[in-house]
Amino acid sequence: MEIEKIKALYQEKLQATNKNWKVPGVGSSFCHHGEILQGEFYCDELKQSVYGLCTLKCNIFSSKAQFYKTDDKEIKVFPEYKIKAKKGVENLLKYLNINIGGRLVIDSDIRPKLGFGSSTTDVVSSIMAVLDVLELELNEMTIAKLAVYSETASDSIMFKDEVLFAQRKGLIIEKFPQSIPQIHVLGFSDPSNDGYCTVSMEPLKYNSKEKLQFNELRDILRNSIKTQDVNLLGKVTTQSTLINQNYYQKKNLDKILKIMEDNQSAGIQISHSGNLMGLIWDNSIPFIEDKIENTKEQLRALNIKSFWTFTK
């Protein structure tokens, strides 16, 4: 078993080396930009439908963590409100059966409550920092399970591959053979919407028609990845947004969809737990910068003033 090998390796390293605990362990993780697809999907492993999501990874903001081992057995985190990151470290050490204390310092430029996955990013970077100071490694699936256990629900930023992830179960519903097609994303947030704390809410009760639609969108997503077709990807993100609009209201969505069409965007994607949204374009189309600038101008008329761009 992986855990027994890790424990044995840790003991071997302690006995074989004079460990310099004054040097901190470091870890980092990029954020995400909401979801490509989020809904309810059939899971072969569990033989039932489960809640799942495909995360849109984003490399413009990140969380960096440092972990300093201390002589006491308590974990202290700075800033103190990063309690999920602290819980992630405590759960990791409990899983490894390693009884140490330490000071966890987090430096993040991710704005909370917008839907960038700031808490999951903190948890992952913190786990990586502790593993670094212990000179140990864990596989992505174990880190994902620890994140879910620490947060109740987690996105899938810890995976290098593109996956459909069961955010409350901590398992992969489907692993896709390659990344999504190359896209250019114009991100923005709605200043009138504080977002939703989906973890504290009851899980959504999608109807049978919506469940069928989600599984059809899963097939389209798989095909868009296989063919590297941005228009198919945009169809997935837009339909996912529209279904979830019945539960998580995004202000002016109808007007934003019109702006999307006016500027030949392939689709709209959202963060279901925050207030950020994104319009996506094929990264190879001509005059893309002009289209984005025109889109910004139209969105400003809706009192949307905060923008950022990235490519994936």
C-alpha atoms as a PDB file:
ATOM      1  CA  MET A   1       0.000   0.000   0.000  1.00  0.00           C
ATOM      2  CA  GLU A   2       1.176   3.526  -0.800  1.00  0.00           C
ATOM      3  CA  ILE A   3       0.707   4.833   2.734  1.00  0.00           C
ATOM      4  CA  GLU A   4       2.836   2.099   4.343  1.00  0.00           C
ATOM      5  CA  LYS A   5       5.661   2.690   1.865  1.00  0.00           C
ATOM      6  CA  ILE A   6       5.521   6.443   2.546  1.00  0.00           C
ATOM      7  CA  LYS A   7       5.683   5.951   6.329  1.00  0.00           C
ATOM      8  CA  ALA A   8       8.651   3.596   5.969  1.00  0.00           C
ATOM      9  CA  LEU A   9      10.411   6.026   3.641  1.00  0.00           C
ATOM     10  CA  TYR A  10       9.888   8.868   6.109  1.00  0.00           C
ATOM     11  CA  GLN A  11      11.433   6.857   8.959  1.00  0.00           C
ATOM     12  CA  GLU A  12      14.375   5.842   6.786  1.00  0.00           C
ATOM     13  CA  LYS A  13      15.086   9.478   5.892  1.00  0.00           C
ATOM     14  CA  LEU A  14      14.917  10.552   9.529  1.00  0.00           C
ATOM     15  CA  GLN A  15      17.423   7.889  10.541  1.00  0.00           C
ATOM     16  CA  ALA A  16      19.758   8.338   7.567  1.00  0.00           C
ATOM     17  CA  THR A  17      20.044  12.131   7.518  1.00  0.00           C
ATOM     18  CA  ASN A  18      20.496  15.005   9.888  1.00  0.00           C
ATOM     19  CA  LYS A  19      17.366  16.833   8.804  1.00  0.00           C
ATOM     20  CA  ASN A  20      17.605  20.632   8.800  1.00  0.00           C
ATOM     21  CA  TRP A  21      14.133  21.568   9.983  1.00  0.00           C
ATOM     22  CA  LYS A  22      14.954  25.277   9.818  1.00  0.00           C
ATOM     23  CA  VAL A  23      14.555  25.201   6.049  1.00  0.00           C
ATOM     24  CA  PRO A  24      10.840  25.480   5.202  1.00  0.00           C
ATOM     25  CA  GLY A  25       8.994  23.278   2.835  1.00  0.00           C
ATOM     26  CA  VAL A  26       7.441  25.137  -0.074  1.00  0.00           C
ATOM     27  CA  GLY A  27       4.413  24.458  -2.228  1.00  0.00           C
ATOM     28  CA  SER A  28       2.378  26.342  -4.786  1.00  0.00           C
ATOM     29  CA  SER A  29      -0.761  25.954  -6.852  1.00  0.00           C
ATOM     30  CA  PHE A  30      -2.472  27.960  -9.556  1.00  0.00           C
ATOM     31  CA  CYS A  31      -6.141  28.850  -9.264  1.00  0.00           C
ATOM     32  CA  HIS A  32      -9.006  27.932 -11.564  1.00  0.00           C
ATOM     33  CA  HIS A  33     -11.575  29.990 -13.469  1.00  0.00           C
ATOM     34  CA  GLY A  34     -14.757  28.220 -12.578  1.00  0.00           C
ATOM     35  CA  GLU A  35     -16.036  25.310 -14.593  1.00  0.00           C
ATOM     36  CA  ILE A  36     -16.212  24.098 -18.156  1.00  0.00           C
ATOM     37  CA  LEU A  37     -19.010  21.766 -17.142  1.00  0.00           C
ATOM     38  CA  GLN A  38     -20.748  21.160 -13.824  1.00  0.00           C
ATOM     39  CA  GLY A  39     -23.713  18.950 -13.128  1.00  0.00           C
ATOM     40  CA  GLU A  40     -24.645  15.355 -12.386  1.00  0.00           C
ATOM     41  CA  PHE A  41     -23.156  12.410 -14.282  1.00  0.00           C
ATOM     42  CA  TYR A  42     -23.246   8.640 -14.313  1.00  0.00           C
ATOM     43  CA  CYS A  43     -20.186   7.157 -12.591  1.00  0.00           C
ATOM     44  CA  ASP A  44     -19.120   3.682 -13.737  1.00  0.00           C
ATOM     45  CA  GLU A  45     -17.130   3.048 -10.567  1.00  0.00           C
ATOM     46  CA  LEU A  46     -20.084   3.693  -8.247  1.00  0.00           C
ATOM     47  CA  LYS A  47     -22.787   2.528 -10.673  1.00  0.00           C
ATOM     48  CA  GLN A  48     -24.836   5.651  -9.964  1.00  0.00           C
ATOM     49  CA  SER A  49     -25.122   9.345 -10.751  1.00  0.00           C
ATOM     50  CA  VAL A  50     -22.869  11.712  -8.827  1.00  0.00           C
ATOM     51  CA  TYR A  51     -22.193  15.442  -8.823  1.00  0.00           C
ATOM     52  CA  GLY A  52     -19.213  16.283 -10.979  1.00  0.00           C
ATOM     53  CA  LEU A  53     -17.302  19.077 -12.652  1.00  0.00           C
ATOM     54  CA  CYS A  54     -14.608  19.787 -15.194  1.00  0.00           C
ATOM     55  CA  THR A  55     -12.435  22.662 -13.964  1.00  0.00           C
ATOM     56  CA  LEU A  56     -11.090  25.440 -16.204  1.00  0.00           C
ATOM     57  CA  LYS A  57      -7.536  25.851 -14.936  1.00  0.00           C
ATOM     58  CA  CYS A  58      -6.081  29.345 -14.829  1.00  0.00           C
ATOM     59  CA  ASN A  59      -2.464  30.451 -14.358  1.00  0.00           C
ATOM     60  CA  ILE A  60      -2.839  34.168 -13.614  1.00  0.00           C
ATOM     61  CA  PHE A  61      -3.289  33.870  -9.826  1.00  0.00           C
ATOM     62  CA  SER A  62      -1.745  31.456  -7.349  1.00  0.00           C
ATOM     63  CA  SER A  63      -1.259  30.463  -3.730  1.00  0.00           C
ATOM     64  CA  LYS A  64       2.225  29.887  -2.302  1.00  0.00           C
ATOM     65  CA  ALA A  65       2.773  28.152   1.028  1.00  0.00           C
ATOM     66  CA  GLN A  66       5.735  27.684   3.347  1.00  0.00           C
ATOM     67  CA  PHE A  67       5.765  25.187   6.202  1.00  0.00           C
ATOM     68  CA  TYR A  68       8.223  25.524   9.085  1.00  0.00           C
ATOM     69  CA  LYS A  69       8.429  22.579  11.475  1.00  0.00           C
ATOM     70  CA  THR A  70       8.339  23.637  15.134  1.00  0.00           C
ATOM     71  CA  ASP A  71       9.078  21.860  18.411  1.00  0.00           C
ATOM     72  CA  ASP A  72       5.464  21.846  19.562  1.00  0.00           C
ATOM     73  CA  LYS A  73       2.751  19.627  18.084  1.00  0.00           C
ATOM     74  CA  GLU A  74       0.350  22.366  17.027  1.00  0.00           C
ATOM     75  CA  ILE A  75      -0.256  23.622  13.490  1.00  0.00           C
ATOM     76  CA  LYS A  76      -0.493  27.416  13.294  1.00  0.00           C
ATOM     77  CA  VAL A  77      -1.497  29.172  10.091  1.00  0.00           C
ATOM     78  CA  PHE A  78      -0.876  32.722   8.929  1.00  0.00           C
ATOM     79  CA  PRO A  79      -3.115  34.483   8.012  1.00  0.00           C
ATOM     80  CA  GLU A  80      -5.217  32.921  10.753  1.00  0.00           C
ATOM     81  CA  TYR A  81      -8.430  32.857   8.701  1.00  0.00           C
ATOM     82  CA  LYS A  82      -6.937  30.256   6.329  1.00  0.00           C
ATOM     83  CA  ILE A  83      -8.560  27.523   8.392  1.00  0.00           C
ATOM     84  CA  LYS A  84      -9.207  25.146   5.481  1.00  0.00           C
ATOM     85  CA  ALA A  85      -5.497  25.126   4.636  1.00  0.00           C
ATOM     86  CA  LYS A  86      -4.713  24.355   8.279  1.00  0.00           C
ATOM     87  CA  LYS A  87      -7.245  21.532   8.228  1.00  0.00           C
ATOM     88  CA  GLY A  88      -5.664  20.202   5.042  1.00  0.00           C
ATOM     89  CA  VAL A  89      -2.265  20.006   6.740  1.00  0.00           C
ATOM     90  CA  GLU A  90      -3.736  18.381   9.858  1.00  0.00           C
ATOM     91  CA  ASN A  91      -5.539  15.784   7.739  1.00  0.00           C
ATOM     92  CA  LEU A  92      -2.365  15.081   5.761  1.00  0.00           C
ATOM     93  CA  LEU A  93      -0.304  14.480   8.914  1.00  0.00           C
ATOM     94  CA  LYS A  94      -3.069  12.307  10.358  1.00  0.00           C
ATOM     95  CA  TYR A  95      -3.172  10.300   7.131  1.00  0.00           C
ATOM     96  CA  LEU A  96       0.617   9.851   7.242  1.00  0.00           C
ATOM     97  CA  ASN A  97       0.524   9.140  10.991  1.00  0.00           C
ATOM     98  CA  ILE A  98       3.281  11.722  11.502  1.00  0.00           C
ATOM     99  CA  ASN A  99       3.005  13.710  14.726  1.00  0.00           C
ATOM    100  CA  ILE A 100       4.722  17.055  14.151  1.00  0.00           C
ATOM    101  CA  GLY A 101       3.754  20.690  14.586  1.00  0.00           C
ATOM    102  CA  GLY A 102       4.571  23.651  12.436  1.00  0.00           C
ATOM    103  CA  ARG A 103       3.931  27.143  11.212  1.00  0.00           C
ATOM    104  CA  LEU A 104       2.105  27.415   7.888  1.00  0.00           C
ATOM    105  CA  VAL A 105       2.508  30.713   6.033  1.00  0.00           C
ATOM    106  CA  ILE A 106       0.343  31.362   2.967  1.00  0.00           C
ATOM    107  CA  ASP A 107       0.887  34.084   0.389  1.00  0.00           C
ATOM    108  CA  SER A 108      -1.948  34.269  -2.129  1.00  0.00           C
ATOM    109  CA  ASP A 109      -2.986  36.867  -4.700  1.00  0.00           C
ATOM    110  CA  ILE A 110      -6.319  35.120  -5.337  1.00  0.00           C
ATOM    111  CA  ARG A 111      -9.344  37.215  -4.462  1.00  0.00           C
ATOM    112  CA  PRO A 112     -11.723  35.137  -2.321  1.00  0.00           C
ATOM    113  CA  LYS A 113     -15.450  34.615  -2.975  1.00  0.00           C
ATOM    114  CA  LEU A 114     -15.198  35.310  -6.714  1.00  0.00           C
ATOM    115  CA  GLY A 115     -14.995  31.654  -7.725  1.00  0.00           C
ATOM    116  CA  PHE A 116     -11.263  31.237  -8.378  1.00  0.00           C
ATOM    117  CA  GLY A 117     -11.075  28.310  -5.956  1.00  0.00           C
ATOM    118  CA  SER A 118      -8.951  30.204  -3.442  1.00  0.00           C
ATOM    119  CA  SER A 119      -9.551  27.763  -0.588  1.00  0.00           C
ATOM    120  CA  THR A 120      -8.736  24.644  -2.619  1.00  0.00           C
ATOM    121  CA  THR A 121      -5.641  26.365  -3.982  1.00  0.00           C
ATOM    122  CA  ASP A 122      -4.521  27.147  -0.412  1.00  0.00           C
ATOM    123  CA  VAL A 123      -5.181  23.559   0.675  1.00  0.00           C
ATOM    124  CA  VAL A 124      -3.197  22.076  -2.221  1.00  0.00           C
ATOM    125  CA  SER A 125      -0.243  24.452  -1.876  1.00  0.00           C
ATOM    126  CA  SER A 126      -0.147  23.791   1.887  1.00  0.00           C
ATOM    127  CA  ILE A 127      -0.191  20.020   1.449  1.00  0.00           C
ATOM    128  CA  MET A 128       2.630  20.326  -1.091  1.00  0.00           C
ATOM    129  CA  ALA A 129       4.672  22.470   1.329  1.00  0.00           C
ATOM    130  CA  VAL A 130       4.398  19.881   4.112  1.00  0.00           C
ATOM    131  CA  LEU A 131       5.273  17.046   1.737  1.00  0.00           C
ATOM    132  CA  ASP A 132       8.272  19.090   0.623  1.00  0.00           C
ATOM    133  CA  VAL A 133       9.628  19.567   4.146  1.00  0.00           C
ATOM    134  CA  LEU A 134       9.091  15.847   4.824  1.00  0.00           C
ATOM    135  CA  GLU A 135      10.736  14.961   1.473  1.00  0.00           C
ATOM    136  CA  LEU A 136       7.757  12.803   0.553  1.00  0.00           C
ATOM    137  CA  GLU A 137       5.406  12.536  -2.418  1.00  0.00           C
ATOM    138  CA  LEU A 138       1.743  11.612  -2.752  1.00  0.00           C
ATOM    139  CA  ASN A 139      -0.184  10.859  -5.912  1.00  0.00           C
ATOM    140  CA  GLU A 140      -2.757  13.318  -7.235  1.00  0.00           C
ATOM    141  CA  MET A 141      -5.706  11.156  -6.260  1.00  0.00           C
ATOM    142  CA  THR A 142      -4.674  11.039  -2.603  1.00  0.00           C
ATOM    143  CA  ILE A 143      -4.182  14.814  -2.534  1.00  0.00           C
ATOM    144  CA  ALA A 144      -7.635  15.211  -4.092  1.00  0.00           C
ATOM    145  CA  LYS A 145      -9.229  13.031  -1.421  1.00  0.00           C
ATOM    146  CA  LEU A 146      -7.480  15.002   1.324  1.00  0.00           C
ATOM    147  CA  ALA A 147      -8.757  18.250  -0.217  1.00  0.00           C
ATOM    148  CA  VAL A 148     -12.336  16.974  -0.336  1.00  0.00           C
ATOM    149  CA  TYR A 149     -12.080  15.696   3.234  1.00  0.00           C
ATOM    150  CA  SER A 150     -10.796  19.108   4.333  1.00  0.00           C
ATOM    151  CA  GLU A 151     -13.346  21.200   2.439  1.00  0.00           C
ATOM    152  CA  THR A 152     -16.410  18.947   1.945  1.00  0.00           C
ATOM    153  CA  ALA A 153     -16.165  19.713  -1.778  1.00  0.00           C
ATOM    154  CA  SER A 154     -13.124  20.474  -3.924  1.00  0.00           C
ATOM    155  CA  ASP A 155     -12.304  21.238  -7.525  1.00  0.00           C
ATOM    156  CA  SER A 156      -9.664  19.319  -9.512  1.00  0.00           C
ATOM    157  CA  ILE A 157      -6.712  21.718  -9.742  1.00  0.00           C
ATOM    158  CA  MET A 158      -4.330  19.091  -8.345  1.00  0.00           C
ATOM    159  CA  PHE A 159      -4.615  16.965 -11.506  1.00  0.00           C
ATOM    160  CA  LYS A 160      -2.299  17.575 -14.461  1.00  0.00           C
ATOM    161  CA  ASP A 161      -4.718  15.802 -16.800  1.00  0.00           C
ATOM    162  CA  GLU A 162      -8.164  16.972 -17.857  1.00  0.00           C
ATOM    163  CA  VAL A 163     -10.735  15.140 -15.737  1.00  0.00           C
ATOM    164  CA  LEU A 164     -14.404  15.040 -14.875  1.00  0.00           C
ATOM    165  CA  PHE A 165     -14.177  15.030 -11.096  1.00  0.00           C
ATOM    166  CA  ALA A 166     -16.708  14.131  -8.404  1.00  0.00           C
ATOM    167  CA  GLN A 167     -16.127  17.116  -6.129  1.00  0.00           C
ATOM    168  CA  ARG A 168     -17.936  15.659  -3.097  1.00  0.00           C
ATOM    169  CA  LYS A 169     -16.723  12.069  -3.506  1.00  0.00           C
ATOM    170  CA  GLY A 170     -13.070  12.703  -4.327  1.00  0.00           C
ATOM    171  CA  LEU A 171     -12.899  10.428  -7.353  1.00  0.00           C
ATOM    172  CA  ILE A 172     -12.421  10.717 -11.100  1.00  0.00           C
ATOM    173  CA  ILE A 173     -15.583  10.087 -13.109  1.00  0.00           C
ATOM    174  CA  GLU A 174     -13.699  10.246 -16.397  1.00  0.00           C
ATOM    175  CA  LYS A 175     -10.124  11.010 -17.414  1.00  0.00           C
ATOM    176  CA  PHE A 176      -9.808  12.651 -20.819  1.00  0.00           C
ATOM    177  CA  PRO A 177      -6.937  11.725 -23.157  1.00  0.00           C
ATOM    178  CA  GLN A 178      -5.592  15.267 -23.572  1.00  0.00           C
ATOM    179  CA  SER A 179      -6.165  18.887 -22.625  1.00  0.00           C
ATOM    180  CA  ILE A 180      -9.007  21.072 -23.889  1.00  0.00           C
ATOM    181  CA  PRO A 181      -8.388  22.957 -27.160  1.00  0.00           C
ATOM    182  CA  GLN A 182      -6.447  26.211 -26.968  1.00  0.00           C
ATOM    183  CA  ILE A 183      -8.675  29.105 -25.968  1.00  0.00           C
ATOM    184  CA  HIS A 184      -8.414  32.795 -25.120  1.00  0.00           C
ATOM    185  CA  VAL A 185     -10.568  33.778 -22.123  1.00  0.00           C
ATOM    186  CA  LEU A 186     -11.878  37.206 -21.161  1.00  0.00           C
ATOM    187  CA  GLY A 187     -12.756  36.974 -17.490  1.00  0.00           C
ATOM    188  CA  PHE A 188     -14.897  39.403 -15.520  1.00  0.00           C
ATOM    189  CA  SER A 189     -16.982  39.606 -12.367  1.00  0.00           C
ATOM    190  CA  ASP A 190     -20.397  40.961 -11.497  1.00  0.00           C
ATOM    191  CA  PRO A 191     -20.006  43.568  -8.736  1.00  0.00           C
ATOM    192  CA  SER A 192     -23.656  43.181  -7.693  1.00  0.00           C
ATOM    193  CA  ASN A 193     -23.309  39.463  -6.909  1.00  0.00           C
ATOM    194  CA  ASP A 194     -21.468  38.204  -3.822  1.00  0.00           C
ATOM    195  CA  GLY A 195     -21.478  34.626  -5.087  1.00  0.00           C
ATOM    196  CA  TYR A 196     -22.766  31.451  -3.464  1.00  0.00           C
ATOM    197  CA  CYS A 197     -21.339  29.228  -0.754  1.00  0.00           C
ATOM    198  CA  THR A 198     -22.272  25.961  -2.461  1.00  0.00           C
ATOM    199  CA  VAL A 199     -20.746  23.804   0.278  1.00  0.00           C
ATOM    200  CA  SER A 200     -23.182  25.175   2.871  1.00  0.00           C
ATOM    201  CA  MET A 201     -26.141  24.745   0.517  1.00  0.00           C
ATOM    202  CA  GLU A 202     -28.106  21.565  -0.030  1.00  0.00           C
ATOM    203  CA  PRO A 203     -26.906  19.697  -3.146  1.00  0.00           C
ATOM    204  CA  LEU A 204     -28.928  20.676  -6.199  1.00  0.00           C
ATOM    205  CA  LYS A 205     -31.860  18.529  -7.238  1.00  0.00           C
ATOM    206  CA  TYR A 206     -31.448  18.364 -11.002  1.00  0.00           C
ATOM    207  CA  ASN A 207     -34.459  16.934 -12.821  1.00  0.00           C
ATOM    208  CA  SER A 208     -34.295  13.914 -15.117  1.00  0.00           C
ATOM    209  CA  LYS A 209     -34.152  16.053 -18.262  1.00  0.00           C
ATOM    210  CA  GLU A 210     -31.210  18.052 -16.901  1.00  0.00           C
ATOM    211  CA  LYS A 211     -29.362  14.875 -15.901  1.00  0.00           C
ATOM    212  CA  LEU A 212     -29.768  13.576 -19.435  1.00  0.00           C
ATOM    213  CA  GLN A 213     -28.501  16.876 -20.830  1.00  0.00           C
ATOM    214  CA  PHE A 214     -25.427  16.776 -18.601  1.00  0.00           C
ATOM    215  CA  ASN A 215     -24.457  13.324 -19.834  1.00  0.00           C
ATOM    216  CA  GLU A 216     -24.952  14.470 -23.430  1.00  0.00           C
ATOM    217  CA  LEU A 217     -22.717  17.474 -22.725  1.00  0.00           C
ATOM    218  CA  ARG A 218     -20.144  15.093 -21.292  1.00  0.00           C
ATOM    219  CA  ASP A 219     -20.083  13.289 -24.653  1.00  0.00           C
ATOM    220  CA  ILE A 220     -19.717  16.598 -26.509  1.00  0.00           C
ATOM    221  CA  LEU A 221     -16.893  17.653 -24.184  1.00  0.00           C
ATOM    222  CA  ARG A 222     -15.086  14.392 -24.861  1.00  0.00           C
ATOM    223  CA  ASN A 223     -15.484  14.971 -28.598  1.00  0.00           C
ATOM    224  CA  SER A 224     -14.312  18.598 -28.372  1.00  0.00           C
ATOM    225  CA  ILE A 225     -11.148  17.423 -26.632  1.00  0.00           C
ATOM    226  CA  LYS A 226     -10.602  14.619 -29.137  1.00  0.00           C
ATOM    227  CA  THR A 227     -11.050  16.930 -32.124  1.00  0.00           C
ATOM    228  CA  GLN A 228      -9.664  20.078 -30.425  1.00  0.00           C
ATOM    229  CA  ASP A 229     -12.820  21.925 -31.475  1.00  0.00           C
ATOM    230  CA  VAL A 230     -13.328  25.203 -29.577  1.00  0.00           C
ATOM    231  CA  ASN A 231     -16.882  25.665 -30.879  1.00  0.00           C
ATOM    232  CA  LEU A 232     -17.915  22.343 -29.380  1.00  0.00           C
ATOM    233  CA  LEU A 233     -16.233  23.319 -26.128  1.00  0.00           C
ATOM    234  CA  GLY A 234     -18.162  26.598 -26.151  1.00  0.00           C
ATOM    235  CA  LYS A 235     -21.401  24.698 -26.664  1.00  0.00           C
ATOM    236  CA  VAL A 236     -20.643  22.682 -23.529  1.00  0.00           C
ATOM    237  CA  THR A 237     -19.767  25.696 -21.369  1.00  0.00           C
ATOM    238  CA  THR A 238     -22.780  27.692 -22.539  1.00  0.00           C
ATOM    239  CA  GLN A 239     -25.316  24.894 -22.052  1.00  0.00           C
ATOM    240  CA  SER A 240     -23.876  24.105 -18.626  1.00  0.00           C
ATOM    241  CA  THR A 241     -24.245  27.778 -17.716  1.00  0.00           C
ATOM    242  CA  LEU A 242     -27.841  27.893 -18.916  1.00  0.00           C
ATOM    243  CA  ILE A 243     -28.892  24.785 -16.979  1.00  0.00           C
ATOM    244  CA  ASN A 244     -27.300  26.039 -13.782  1.00  0.00           C
ATOM    245  CA  GLN A 245     -28.852  29.472 -14.260  1.00  0.00           C
ATOM    246  CA  ASN A 246     -32.033  27.818 -12.954  1.00  0.00           C
ATOM    247  CA  TYR A 247     -30.273  27.416  -9.601  1.00  0.00           C
ATOM    248  CA  TYR A 248     -27.431  29.964  -9.434  1.00  0.00           C
ATOM    249  CA  GLN A 249     -28.611  33.221 -10.964  1.00  0.00           C
ATOM    250  CA  LYS A 250     -26.083  35.269 -12.942  1.00  0.00           C
ATOM    251  CA  LYS A 251     -27.303  38.844 -13.426  1.00  0.00           C
ATOM    252  CA  ASN A 252     -27.720  40.103 -17.011  1.00  0.00           C
ATOM    253  CA  LEU A 253     -26.940  36.679 -18.434  1.00  0.00           C
ATOM    254  CA  ASP A 254     -29.285  37.220 -21.404  1.00  0.00           C
ATOM    255  CA  LYS A 255     -27.525  40.490 -22.262  1.00  0.00           C
ATOM    256  CA  ILE A 256     -24.089  38.912 -21.870  1.00  0.00           C
ATOM    257  CA  LEU A 257     -25.128  36.089 -24.208  1.00  0.00           C
ATOM    258  CA  LYS A 258     -26.079  38.708 -26.794  1.00  0.00           C
ATOM    259  CA  ILE A 259     -22.665  40.363 -26.395  1.00  0.00           C
ATOM    260  CA  MET A 260     -21.094  36.912 -26.786  1.00  0.00           C
ATOM    261  CA  GLU A 261     -22.873  36.420 -30.116  1.00  0.00           C
ATOM    262  CA  ASP A 262     -22.083  39.955 -31.340  1.00  0.00           C
ATOM    263  CA  ASN A 263     -18.358  39.325 -30.856  1.00  0.00           C
ATOM    264  CA  GLN A 264     -18.187  35.772 -32.222  1.00  0.00           C
ATOM    265  CA  SER A 265     -17.249  34.248 -28.883  1.00  0.00           C
ATOM    266  CA  ALA A 266     -17.473  30.454 -28.856  1.00  0.00           C
ATOM    267  CA  GLY A 267     -19.183  30.368 -25.480  1.00  0.00           C
ATOM    268  CA  ILE A 268     -19.613  31.563 -21.928  1.00  0.00           C
ATOM    269  CA  GLN A 269     -18.399  29.763 -18.802  1.00  0.00           C
ATOM    270  CA  ILE A 270     -18.990  30.568 -15.155  1.00  0.00           C
ATOM    271  CA  SER A 271     -17.948  29.776 -11.643  1.00  0.00           C
ATOM    272  CA  HIS A 272     -20.975  28.208 -10.017  1.00  0.00           C
ATOM    273  CA  SER A 273     -19.859  29.158  -6.514  1.00  0.00           C
ATOM    274  CA  GLY A 274     -18.690  32.707  -7.259  1.00  0.00           C
ATOM    275  CA  ASN A 275     -19.557  35.659  -9.434  1.00  0.00           C
ATOM    276  CA  LEU A 276     -16.883  35.368 -12.115  1.00  0.00           C
ATOM    277  CA  MET A 277     -17.681  34.586 -15.726  1.00  0.00           C
ATOM    278  CA  GLY A 278     -15.634  34.157 -18.866  1.00  0.00           C
ATOM    279  CA  LEU A 279     -16.151  34.444 -22.607  1.00  0.00           C
ATOM    280  CA  ILE A 280     -13.993  32.147 -24.698  1.00  0.00           C
ATOM    281  CA  TRP A 281     -12.572  32.393 -28.196  1.00  0.00           C
ATOM    282  CA  ASP A 282     -10.530  30.102 -30.394  1.00  0.00           C
ATOM    283  CA  ASN A 283      -6.991  31.333 -29.746  1.00  0.00           C
ATOM    284  CA  SER A 284      -6.134  31.143 -33.449  1.00  0.00           C
ATOM    285  CA  ILE A 285      -8.864  33.373 -34.902  1.00  0.00           C
ATOM    286  CA  PRO A 286      -7.833  36.718 -36.464  1.00  0.00           C
ATOM    287  CA  PHE A 287      -8.461  40.112 -34.792  1.00  0.00           C
ATOM    288  CA  ILE A 288      -9.103  38.464 -31.436  1.00  0.00           C
ATOM    289  CA  GLU A 289      -7.772  41.464 -29.507  1.00  0.00           C
ATOM    290  CA  ASP A 290     -10.237  43.755 -31.312  1.00  0.00           C
ATOM    291  CA  LYS A 291     -13.107  41.433 -30.448  1.00  0.00           C
ATOM    292  CA  ILE A 292     -12.070  41.377 -26.793  1.00  0.00           C
ATOM    293  CA  GLU A 293     -11.772  45.169 -26.581  1.00  0.00           C
ATOM    294  CA  ASN A 294     -15.196  45.594 -28.167  1.00  0.00           C
ATOM    295  CA  THR A 295     -16.613  43.021 -25.737  1.00  0.00           C
ATOM    296  CA  LYS A 296     -15.179  44.938 -22.777  1.00  0.00           C
ATOM    297  CA  GLU A 297     -16.785  48.141 -24.008  1.00  0.00           C
ATOM    298  CA  GLN A 298     -20.195  46.487 -24.230  1.00  0.00           C
ATOM    299  CA  LEU A 299     -19.816  44.850 -20.805  1.00  0.00           C
ATOM    300  CA  ARG A 300     -18.951  48.190 -19.217  1.00  0.00           C
ATOM    301  CA  ALA A 301     -22.443  49.326 -20.177  1.00  0.00           C
ATOM    302  CA  LEU A 302     -23.682  46.647 -17.737  1.00  0.00           C
ATOM    303  CA  ASN A 303     -21.534  48.183 -14.977  1.00  0.00           C
ATOM    304  CA  ILE A 304     -18.948  45.423 -15.308  1.00  0.00           C
ATOM    305  CA  LYS A 305     -15.574  47.068 -14.822  1.00  0.00           C
ATOM    306  CA  SER A 306     -13.120  44.390 -13.686  1.00  0.00           C
ATOM    307  CA  PHE A 307     -11.496  42.319 -16.462  1.00  0.00           C
ATOM    308  CA  TRP A 308      -8.589  39.925 -16.957  1.00  0.00           C
ATOM    309  CA  THR A 309      -7.472  37.667 -19.789  1.00  0.00           C
ATOM    310  CA  PHE A 310      -5.585  34.394 -20.044  1.00  0.00           C
ATOM    311  CA  THR A 311      -4.995  31.572 -22.478  1.00  0.00           C
ATOM    312  CA  LYS A 312      -5.380  27.872 -21.847  1.00  0.00           C
END
